[in-house]
PDB file of N, CA and C in Angstrom:
ATOM      1  N   MET A   1      -7.797   1.881   5.913  1.00  0.00           N
ATOM      2  CA  MET A   1      -6.502   2.158   5.457  1.00  0.00           C
ATOM      3  C   MET A   1      -5.914   2.985   6.220  1.00  0.00           C
ATOM      4  N   LYS A   2      -4.241   2.744   6.598  1.00  0.00           N
ATOM      5  CA  LYS A   2      -3.863   4.022   7.390  1.00  0.00           C
ATOM      6  C   LYS A   2      -3.028   4.738   6.600  1.00  0.00           C
ATOM      7  N   LEU A   3      -2.664   4.577   5.125  1.00  0.00           N
ATOM      8  CA  LEU A   3      -2.330   5.547   4.403  1.00  0.00           C
ATOM      9  C   LEU A   3      -3.196   6.251   3.159  1.00  0.00           C
ATOM     10  N   ASN A   4      -4.886   5.963   3.524  1.00  0.00           N
ATOM     11  CA  ASN A   4      -5.448   6.634   3.018  1.00  0.00           C
ATOM     12  C   ASN A   4      -4.992   8.312   2.824  1.00  0.00           C
ATOM     13  N   ASN A   5      -5.355   8.722   1.873  1.00  0.00           N
ATOM     14  CA  ASN A   5      -5.373  10.599   1.537  1.00  0.00           C
ATOM     15  C   ASN A   5      -3.884  10.909   1.531  1.00  0.00           C
ATOM     16  N   GLU A   6      -2.989  10.152   1.645  1.00  0.00           N
ATOM     17  CA  GLU A   6      -1.369  10.401   2.171  1.00  0.00           C
ATOM     18  C   GLU A   6      -0.180  10.421   0.578  1.00  0.00           C
ATOM     19  N   THR A   7      -0.090  11.519   0.383  1.00  0.00           N
ATOM     20  CA  THR A   7       0.654  11.489  -1.089  1.00  0.00           C
ATOM     21  C   THR A   7       2.035  11.255  -1.078  1.00  0.00           C
ATOM     22  N   VAL A   8       1.849   9.990  -1.889  1.00  0.00           N
ATOM     23  CA  VAL A   8       3.337   9.387  -1.726  1.00  0.00           C
ATOM     24  C   VAL A   8       3.954   9.427  -3.341  1.00  0.00           C
ATOM     25  N   THR A   9       5.279   8.983  -3.486  1.00  0.00           N
ATOM     26  CA  THR A   9       6.083   8.597  -4.885  1.00  0.00           C
ATOM     27  C   THR A   9       5.905   7.049  -5.262  1.00  0.00           C
ATOM     28  N   ILE A  10       5.975   6.918  -6.008  1.00  0.00           N
ATOM     29  CA  ILE A  10       6.293   5.330  -6.353  1.00  0.00           C
ATOM     30  C   ILE A  10       7.288   5.161  -7.604  1.00  0.00           C
ATOM     31  N   GLU A  11       8.138   4.023  -7.083  1.00  0.00           N
ATOM     32  CA  GLU A  11       8.833   3.937  -8.414  1.00  0.00           C
ATOM     33  C   GLU A  11       8.596   2.819  -9.307  1.00  0.00           C
ATOM     34  N   LEU A  12       8.091   2.327 -10.606  1.00  0.00           N
ATOM     35  CA  LEU A  12       8.053   0.946 -11.185  1.00  0.00           C
ATOM     36  C   LEU A  12       8.935   0.533 -11.326  1.00  0.00           C
ATOM     37  N   LYS A  13       8.719  -1.082 -11.675  1.00  0.00           N
ATOM     38  CA  LYS A  13       9.738  -1.602 -12.295  1.00  0.00           C
ATOM     39  C   LYS A  13      10.633  -1.130 -13.503  1.00  0.00           C
ATOM     40  N   ASN A  14       9.290  -0.277 -14.481  1.00  0.00           N
ATOM     41  CA  ASN A  14      10.236   0.072 -15.997  1.00  0.00           C
ATOM     42  C   ASN A  14      10.873   0.965 -15.731  1.00  0.00           C
ATOM     43  N   GLY A  15      11.016   1.995 -14.500  1.00  0.00           N
ATOM     44  CA  GLY A  15      11.390   2.936 -14.357  1.00  0.00           C
ATOM     45  C   GLY A  15      10.519   4.235 -14.231  1.00  0.00           C
ATOM     46  N   THR A  16       9.243   4.117 -14.586  1.00  0.00           N
ATOM     47  CA  THR A  16       8.302   5.277 -14.328  1.00  0.00           C
ATOM     48  C   THR A  16       8.103   5.580 -13.250  1.00  0.00           C
ATOM     49  N   ILE A  17       8.001   7.104 -13.106  1.00  0.00           N
ATOM     50  CA  ILE A  17       7.965   7.295 -11.672  1.00  0.00           C
ATOM     51  C   ILE A  17       6.038   7.713 -11.259  1.00  0.00           C
ATOM     52  N   VAL A  18       5.704   7.289 -10.384  1.00  0.00           N
ATOM     53  CA  VAL A  18       4.165   8.302 -10.001  1.00  0.00           C
ATOM     54  C   VAL A  18       3.902   8.794  -8.798  1.00  0.00           C
ATOM     55  N   HIS A  19       3.654   9.754  -8.896  1.00  0.00           N
ATOM     56  CA  HIS A  19       3.248  10.935  -7.700  1.00  0.00           C
ATOM     57  C   HIS A  19       1.885  11.053  -7.212  1.00  0.00           C
ATOM     58  N   GLY A  20       1.040  10.667  -6.220  1.00  0.00           N
ATOM     59  CA  GLY A  20       0.102  10.647  -6.409  1.00  0.00           C
ATOM     60  C   GLY A  20      -0.641  10.754  -4.604  1.00  0.00           C
ATOM     61  N   THR A  21      -1.561  10.678  -4.541  1.00  0.00           N
ATOM     62  CA  THR A  21      -2.549  10.510  -3.427  1.00  0.00           C
ATOM     63  C   THR A  21      -3.125   9.355  -3.226  1.00  0.00           C
ATOM     64  N   ILE A  22      -3.209   8.737  -2.339  1.00  0.00           N
ATOM     65  CA  ILE A  22      -3.228   7.048  -2.550  1.00  0.00           C
ATOM     66  C   ILE A  22      -4.897   7.043  -1.913  1.00  0.00           C
ATOM     67  N   THR A  23      -5.675   6.244  -2.776  1.00  0.00           N
ATOM     68  CA  THR A  23      -7.462   6.334  -2.016  1.00  0.00           C
ATOM     69  C   THR A  23      -7.309   4.643  -1.712  1.00  0.00           C
ATOM     70  N   GLY A  24      -6.522   3.945  -2.137  1.00  0.00           N
ATOM     71  CA  GLY A  24      -6.253   2.478  -1.667  1.00  0.00           C
ATOM     72  C   GLY A  24      -5.390   1.409  -2.347  1.00  0.00           C
ATOM     73  N   VAL A  25      -5.419   0.628  -0.994  1.00  0.00           N
ATOM     74  CA  VAL A  25      -4.106  -0.444  -1.539  1.00  0.00           C
ATOM     75  C   VAL A  25      -4.989  -1.950  -0.961  1.00  0.00           C
ATOM     76  N   ASP A  26      -4.930  -2.589  -1.829  1.00  0.00           N
ATOM     77  CA  ASP A  26      -5.528  -4.053  -1.713  1.00  0.00           C
ATOM     78  C   ASP A  26      -4.410  -5.200  -1.338  1.00  0.00           C
ATOM     79  N   MET A  27      -4.897  -6.005  -0.741  1.00  0.00           N
ATOM     80  CA  MET A  27      -3.491  -7.516  -0.161  1.00  0.00           C
ATOM     81  C   MET A  27      -2.868  -7.540  -1.116  1.00  0.00           C
ATOM     82  N   SER A  28      -2.731  -7.553  -2.478  1.00  0.00           N
ATOM     83  CA  SER A  28      -1.882  -7.741  -3.734  1.00  0.00           C
ATOM     84  C   SER A  28      -0.761  -6.440  -3.915  1.00  0.00           C
ATOM     85  N   MET A  29      -1.428  -5.561  -3.229  1.00  0.00           N
ATOM     86  CA  MET A  29      -0.230  -4.089  -3.059  1.00  0.00           C
ATOM     87  C   MET A  29      -0.632  -3.334  -4.270  1.00  0.00           C
ATOM     88  N   ASN A  30      -1.871  -3.678  -4.931  1.00  0.00           N
ATOM     89  CA  ASN A  30      -2.438  -3.166  -6.399  1.00  0.00           C
ATOM     90  C   ASN A  30      -2.675  -1.677  -5.436  1.00  0.00           C
ATOM     91  N   THR A  31      -2.451  -0.560  -5.775  1.00  0.00           N
ATOM     92  CA  THR A  31      -2.340   0.614  -5.711  1.00  0.00           C
ATOM     93  C   THR A  31      -2.865   1.737  -6.149  1.00  0.00           C
ATOM     94  N   HIS A  32      -4.481   2.075  -5.725  1.00  0.00           N
ATOM     95  CA  HIS A  32      -5.216   3.178  -6.428  1.00  0.00           C
ATOM     96  C   HIS A  32      -4.751   4.642  -5.641  1.00  0.00           C
ATOM     97  N   LEU A  33      -4.907   5.849  -6.795  1.00  0.00           N
ATOM     98  CA  LEU A  33      -4.175   6.918  -6.964  1.00  0.00           C
ATOM     99  C   LEU A  33      -5.315   8.028  -7.223  1.00  0.00           C
ATOM    100  N   LYS A  34      -5.099   9.315  -6.810  1.00  0.00           N
ATOM    101  CA  LYS A  34      -6.250  10.084  -7.425  1.00  0.00           C
ATOM    102  C   LYS A  34      -5.271  11.406  -7.752  1.00  0.00           C
ATOM    103  N   THR A  35      -5.091  12.440  -8.271  1.00  0.00           N
ATOM    104  CA  THR A  35      -4.251  13.703  -8.442  1.00  0.00           C
ATOM    105  C   THR A  35      -3.006  13.095  -8.615  1.00  0.00           C
ATOM    106  N   VAL A  36      -2.656  12.491  -9.676  1.00  0.00           N
ATOM    107  CA  VAL A  36      -1.668  11.676 -10.055  1.00  0.00           C
ATOM    108  C   VAL A  36      -0.648  12.462 -11.290  1.00  0.00           C
ATOM    109  N   LYS A  37       0.493  12.275 -10.856  1.00  0.00           N
ATOM    110  CA  LYS A  37       1.970  13.010 -12.020  1.00  0.00           C
ATOM    111  C   LYS A  37       2.594  11.837 -12.423  1.00  0.00           C
ATOM    112  N   MET A  38       2.574  11.514 -13.384  1.00  0.00           N
ATOM    113  CA  MET A  38       3.231  10.320 -13.948  1.00  0.00           C
ATOM    114  C   MET A  38       4.461  10.809 -14.963  1.00  0.00           C
ATOM    115  N   THR A  39       5.515  10.171 -14.791  1.00  0.00           N
ATOM    116  CA  THR A  39       6.702  10.611 -15.588  1.00  0.00           C
ATOM    117  C   THR A  39       7.149   9.161 -16.026  1.00  0.00           C
ATOM    118  N   VAL A  40       6.835   8.894 -17.220  1.00  0.00           N
ATOM    119  CA  VAL A  40       7.488   7.497 -17.781  1.00  0.00           C
ATOM    120  C   VAL A  40       8.896   8.028 -18.174  1.00  0.00           C
ATOM    121  N   LYS A  41       9.848   7.030 -18.153  1.00  0.00           N
ATOM    122  CA  LYS A  41      11.468   7.290 -18.344  1.00  0.00           C
ATOM    123  C   LYS A  41      11.524   8.040 -19.567  1.00  0.00           C
ATOM    124  N   ASN A  42      12.452   9.283 -19.914  1.00  0.00           N
ATOM    125  CA  ASN A  42      12.924   9.785 -20.601  1.00  0.00           C
ATOM    126  C   ASN A  42      11.329  10.602 -21.822  1.00  0.00           C
ATOM    127  N   LYS A  43      10.664  10.775 -21.050  1.00  0.00           N
ATOM    128  CA  LYS A  43       9.069  11.477 -21.501  1.00  0.00           C
ATOM    129  C   LYS A  43       9.017  12.801 -20.651  1.00  0.00           C
ATOM    130  N   ASP A  44       7.710  13.143 -21.154  1.00  0.00           N
ATOM    131  CA  ASP A  44       7.428  14.499 -20.321  1.00  0.00           C
ATOM    132  C   ASP A  44       6.153  14.164 -19.456  1.00  0.00           C
ATOM    133  N   PRO A  45       6.485  14.573 -18.244  1.00  0.00           N
ATOM    134  CA  PRO A  45       5.318  14.149 -17.148  1.00  0.00           C
ATOM    135  C   PRO A  45       3.660  14.026 -17.872  1.00  0.00           C
ATOM    136  N   VAL A  46       2.942  13.195 -17.281  1.00  0.00           N
ATOM    137  CA  VAL A  46       1.367  13.659 -17.887  1.00  0.00           C
ATOM    138  C   VAL A  46       0.607  13.496 -16.725  1.00  0.00           C
ATOM    139  N   ASN A  47      -0.317  14.414 -16.273  1.00  0.00           N
ATOM    140  CA  ASN A  47      -1.283  14.373 -15.527  1.00  0.00           C
ATOM    141  C   ASN A  47      -2.497  13.800 -15.536  1.00  0.00           C
ATOM    142  N   LEU A  48      -2.833  13.175 -14.307  1.00  0.00           N
ATOM    143  CA  LEU A  48      -4.165  11.883 -14.778  1.00  0.00           C
ATOM    144  C   LEU A  48      -5.051  12.446 -13.015  1.00  0.00           C
ATOM    145  N   ASP A  49      -6.435  12.129 -13.460  1.00  0.00           N
ATOM    146  CA  ASP A  49      -7.122  12.225 -12.321  1.00  0.00           C
ATOM    147  C   ASP A  49      -7.175  11.319 -11.484  1.00  0.00           C
ATOM    148  N   SER A  50      -6.738   9.916 -11.765  1.00  0.00           N
ATOM    149  CA  SER A  50      -6.771   8.571 -11.100  1.00  0.00           C
ATOM    150  C   SER A  50      -6.069   7.695 -12.080  1.00  0.00           C
ATOM    151  N   LEU A  51      -5.362   6.675 -11.432  1.00  0.00           N
ATOM    152  CA  LEU A  51      -4.794   5.803 -11.446  1.00  0.00           C
ATOM    153  C   LEU A  51      -4.574   4.441 -11.012  1.00  0.00           C
ATOM    154  N   SER A  52      -4.285   3.195 -11.267  1.00  0.00           N
ATOM    155  CA  SER A  52      -4.128   1.897 -10.667  1.00  0.00           C
ATOM    156  C   SER A  52      -3.131   1.533 -11.211  1.00  0.00           C
ATOM    157  N   ILE A  53      -2.443   0.787  -9.768  1.00  0.00           N
ATOM    158  CA  ILE A  53      -1.099   0.268 -10.452  1.00  0.00           C
ATOM    159  C   ILE A  53      -1.126  -1.671 -10.025  1.00  0.00           C
ATOM    160  N   ARG A  54      -1.006  -2.153 -10.659  1.00  0.00           N
ATOM    161  CA  ARG A  54      -1.095  -3.781 -10.355  1.00  0.00           C
ATOM    162  C   ARG A  54       0.477  -3.899  -9.472  1.00  0.00           C
ATOM    163  N   GLY A  55      -0.034  -4.422  -8.525  1.00  0.00           N
ATOM    164  CA  GLY A  55       1.036  -4.522  -7.068  1.00  0.00           C
ATOM    165  C   GLY A  55       2.124  -5.312  -7.774  1.00  0.00           C
ATOM    166  N   ASN A  56       2.521  -6.118  -8.610  1.00  0.00           N
ATOM    167  CA  ASN A  56       3.906  -6.839  -9.085  1.00  0.00           C
ATOM    168  C   ASN A  56       4.622  -5.822  -9.923  1.00  0.00           C
ATOM    169  N   ASN A  57       3.901  -4.828 -10.348  1.00  0.00           N
ATOM    170  CA  ASN A  57       4.901  -3.573 -11.229  1.00  0.00           C
ATOM    171  C   ASN A  57       5.408  -2.726 -10.177  1.00  0.00           C
ATOM    172  N   ILE A  58       5.368  -2.766  -9.237  1.00  0.00           N
ATOM    173  CA  ILE A  58       5.677  -1.838  -8.155  1.00  0.00           C
ATOM    174  C   ILE A  58       7.353  -2.078  -7.413  1.00  0.00           C
ATOM    175  N   ARG A  59       8.318  -0.827  -7.792  1.00  0.00           N
ATOM    176  CA  ARG A  59       9.506  -1.390  -7.225  1.00  0.00           C
ATOM    177  C   ARG A  59       9.425  -1.109  -5.754  1.00  0.00           C
ATOM    178  N   TYR A  60       9.160  -0.108  -5.583  1.00  0.00           N
ATOM    179  CA  TYR A  60       8.869   0.830  -3.682  1.00  0.00           C
ATOM    180  C   TYR A  60       7.978   2.059  -3.964  1.00  0.00           C
ATOM    181  N   TYR A  61       7.817   2.076  -2.589  1.00  0.00           N
ATOM    182  CA  TYR A  61       7.251   3.675  -2.756  1.00  0.00           C
ATOM    183  C   TYR A  61       7.860   4.768  -1.849  1.00  0.00           C
ATOM    184  N   ILE A  62       8.099   5.488  -1.852  1.00  0.00           N
ATOM    185  CA  ILE A  62       8.586   6.920  -0.904  1.00  0.00           C
ATOM    186  C   ILE A  62       7.414   7.734  -0.408  1.00  0.00           C
ATOM    187  N   LEU A  63       7.563   7.226   0.917  1.00  0.00           N
ATOM    188  CA  LEU A  63       6.883   7.757   1.451  1.00  0.00           C
ATOM    189  C   LEU A  63       7.017   9.293   2.271  1.00  0.00           C
ATOM    190  N   PRO A  64       5.849   9.927   3.091  1.00  0.00           N
ATOM    191  CA  PRO A  64       6.396  11.530   3.157  1.00  0.00           C
ATOM    192  C   PRO A  64       7.385  11.331   4.215  1.00  0.00           C
ATOM    193  N   GLU A  65       8.105  12.091   4.514  1.00  0.00           N
ATOM    194  CA  GLU A  65       8.888  12.618   5.743  1.00  0.00           C
ATOM    195  C   GLU A  65       8.380  12.503   6.863  1.00  0.00           C
ATOM    196  N   SER A  66       7.082  13.706   6.643  1.00  0.00           N
ATOM    197  CA  SER A  66       6.177  13.822   7.989  1.00  0.00           C
ATOM    198  C   SER A  66       5.348  12.304   8.455  1.00  0.00           C
ATOM    199  N   LEU A  67       5.329  11.391   7.856  1.00  0.00           N
ATOM    200  CA  LEU A  67       4.368  10.367   8.174  1.00  0.00           C
ATOM    201  C   LEU A  67       5.219   9.582   9.432  1.00  0.00           C
ATOM    202  N   GLN A  68       4.245   9.604  10.145  1.00  0.00           N
ATOM    203  CA  GLN A  68       4.728   8.724  11.640  1.00  0.00           C
ATOM    204  C   GLN A  68       4.898   7.448  11.595  1.00  0.00           C
ATOM    205  N   LEU A  69       5.880   7.131  10.957  1.00  0.00           N
ATOM    206  CA  LEU A  69       5.523   5.147  10.783  1.00  0.00           C
ATOM    207  C   LEU A  69       5.950   4.778  11.981  1.00  0.00           C
ATOM    208  N   ASP A  70       6.205   5.052  13.110  1.00  0.00           N
ATOM    209  CA  ASP A  70       6.541   4.277  14.274  1.00  0.00           C
ATOM    210  C   ASP A  70       4.649   3.802  15.112  1.00  0.00           C
ATOM    211  N   THR A  71       3.988   5.037  14.872  1.00  0.00           N
ATOM    212  CA  THR A  71       2.558   4.664  14.948  1.00  0.00           C
ATOM    213  C   THR A  71       1.827   3.759  13.784  1.00  0.00           C
ATOM    214  N   LEU A  72       1.870   4.123  13.236  1.00  0.00           N
ATOM    215  CA  LEU A  72       1.332   3.132  11.856  1.00  0.00           C
ATOM    216  C   LEU A  72       1.620   2.021  12.065  1.00  0.00           C
ATOM    217  N   LEU A  73       2.964   1.423  12.144  1.00  0.00           N
ATOM    218  CA  LEU A  73       3.451   0.270  12.459  1.00  0.00           C
ATOM    219  C   LEU A  73       2.868  -0.629  13.332  1.00  0.00           C
ATOM    220  N   VAL A  74       2.055   0.079  14.040  1.00  0.00           N
ATOM    221  CA  VAL A  74       1.558  -0.693  15.486  1.00  0.00           C
ATOM    222  C   VAL A  74       0.394  -1.496  14.976  1.00  0.00           C
ATOM    223  N   ASP A  75       0.020  -2.611  15.462  1.00  0.00           N
ATOM    224  CA  ASP A  75      -1.357  -3.616  14.905  1.00  0.00           C
ATOM    225  C   ASP A  75      -2.236  -3.254  16.019  1.00  0.00           C
ATOM    226  N   ASP A  76      -3.094  -2.317  15.444  1.00  0.00           N
ATOM    227  CA  ASP A  76      -4.112  -1.828  16.173  1.00  0.00           C
ATOM    228  C   ASP A  76      -5.541  -2.799  15.815  1.00  0.00           C
ATOM    229  N   THR A  77      -5.303  -3.992  15.002  1.00  0.00           N
ATOM    230  CA  THR A  77      -6.460  -4.570  15.049  1.00  0.00           C
ATOM    231  C   THR A  77      -6.719  -5.641  15.884  1.00  0.00           C
ATOM    232  N   PRO A  78      -7.853  -5.832  15.947  1.00  0.00           N
ATOM    233  CA  PRO A  78      -8.496  -6.900  17.404  1.00  0.00           C
ATOM    234  C   PRO A  78      -8.088  -8.039  17.199  1.00  0.00           C
ATOM    235  N   LYS A  79      -7.709  -8.873  18.017  1.00  0.00           N
ATOM    236  CA  LYS A  79      -7.390 -10.441  17.690  1.00  0.00           C
ATOM    237  C   LYS A  79      -8.745 -10.822  18.182  1.00  0.00           C
ATOM    238  N   ALA A  80      -8.576 -12.169  17.314  1.00  0.00           N
ATOM    239  CA  ALA A  80      -9.734 -13.271  17.602  1.00  0.00           C
ATOM    240  C   ALA A  80      -9.167 -14.208  18.849  1.00  0.00           C
ATOM    241  N   LYS A  81      -9.894 -14.549  19.758  1.00  0.00           N
ATOM    242  CA  LYS A  81      -9.279 -15.092  20.807  1.00  0.00           C
ATOM    243  C   LYS A  81      -9.194 -16.620  20.186  1.00  0.00           C
ATOM    244  N   ALA A  82      -8.331 -17.330  20.873  1.00  0.00           N
ATOM    245  CA  ALA A  82      -7.803 -18.625  20.420  1.00  0.00           C
ATOM    246  C   ALA A  82      -8.806 -19.250  21.362  1.00  0.00           C
ATOM    247  N   LYS A  83      -9.268 -20.392  20.384  1.00  0.00           N
ATOM    248  CA  LYS A  83     -10.317 -21.521  20.883  1.00  0.00           C
ATOM    249  C   LYS A  83     -10.049 -22.332  21.720  1.00  0.00           C
ATOM    250  N   LYS A  84     -10.732 -22.621  22.687  1.00  0.00           N
ATOM    251  CA  LYS A  84      -9.886 -23.903  23.633  1.00  0.00           C
ATOM    252  C   LYS A  84      -9.932 -25.809  23.250  1.00  0.00           C
ATOM    253  N   LYS A  85      -8.482 -25.705  23.512  1.00  0.00           N
ATOM    254  CA  LYS A  85      -8.433 -27.143  22.455  1.00  0.00           C
ATOM    255  C   LYS A  85      -9.086 -28.159  23.190  1.00  0.00           C
ATOM    256  N   GLU A  86      -9.821 -29.728  22.604  1.00  0.00           N
ATOM    257  CA  GLU A  86     -10.547 -30.302  23.321  1.00  0.00           C
ATOM    258  C   GLU A  86      -9.342 -30.861  24.161  1.00  0.00           C
ATOM    259  N   SER A  87      -9.573 -32.354  24.767  1.00  0.00           N
ATOM    260  CA  SER A  87      -8.594 -32.532  25.734  1.00  0.00           C
ATOM    261  C   SER A  87      -8.963 -34.186  24.636  1.00  0.00           C
ATOM    262  N   MET A  88      -7.737 -34.701  24.406  1.00  0.00           N
ATOM    263  CA  MET A  88      -7.698 -36.005  23.593  1.00  0.00           C
ATOM    264  C   MET A  88      -7.284 -36.907  24.550  1.00  0.00           C
ATOM    265  N   SER A  89      -7.687 -36.901  25.708  1.00  0.00           N
ATOM    266  CA  SER A  89      -7.912 -38.233  26.513  1.00  0.00           C
ATOM    267  C   SER A  89      -9.278 -39.030  26.195  1.00  0.00           C
ATOM    268  N   ARG A  90     -10.253 -38.611  25.420  1.00  0.00           N
ATOM    269  CA  ARG A  90     -11.537 -39.136  25.176  1.00  0.00           C
ATOM    270  C   ARG A  90     -11.679 -40.396  24.258  1.00  0.00           C
ATOM    271  N   TYR A  91     -10.067 -39.909  23.137  1.00  0.00           N
ATOM    272  CA  TYR A  91      -9.984 -40.524  21.861  1.00  0.00           C
ATOM    273  C   TYR A  91      -9.134 -41.860  22.464  1.00  0.00           C
ATOM    274  N   SER A  92      -8.407 -41.875  23.560  1.00  0.00           N
ATOM    275  CA  SER A  92      -7.553 -43.211  24.431  1.00  0.00           C
ATOM    276  C   SER A  92      -8.289 -44.393  24.714  1.00  0.00           C
TER     277      SER A  92
END
C-alpha cells in the first residue's frame, strides 16, 4: 500500500481527531494506525500503541505536506489483458 508508514491526521464524524502512522487501509477505508494520539472532542489527548478505525466513521484524512501526491496517484498496477471476443456469426 502506498501510504504505509505515513503519519496522518484523521478527523472522525464525531469530531475526534486521531494522529498516527498508517499500518494499513482496506477497501472499506478501515484504517489501522500505530503510535496514535487521539483527542476526543472537549477531552484531554490519549496516547495509544495502535488503533483501528472503521471506515464509515472517517470524515477526512489530513495528509502530510511532504507527500508527493502526483506520484502516488499514478495507477501502476498491471492491467489484465482483455479477452478476445468470439465472433457472433456462428450463432446466426
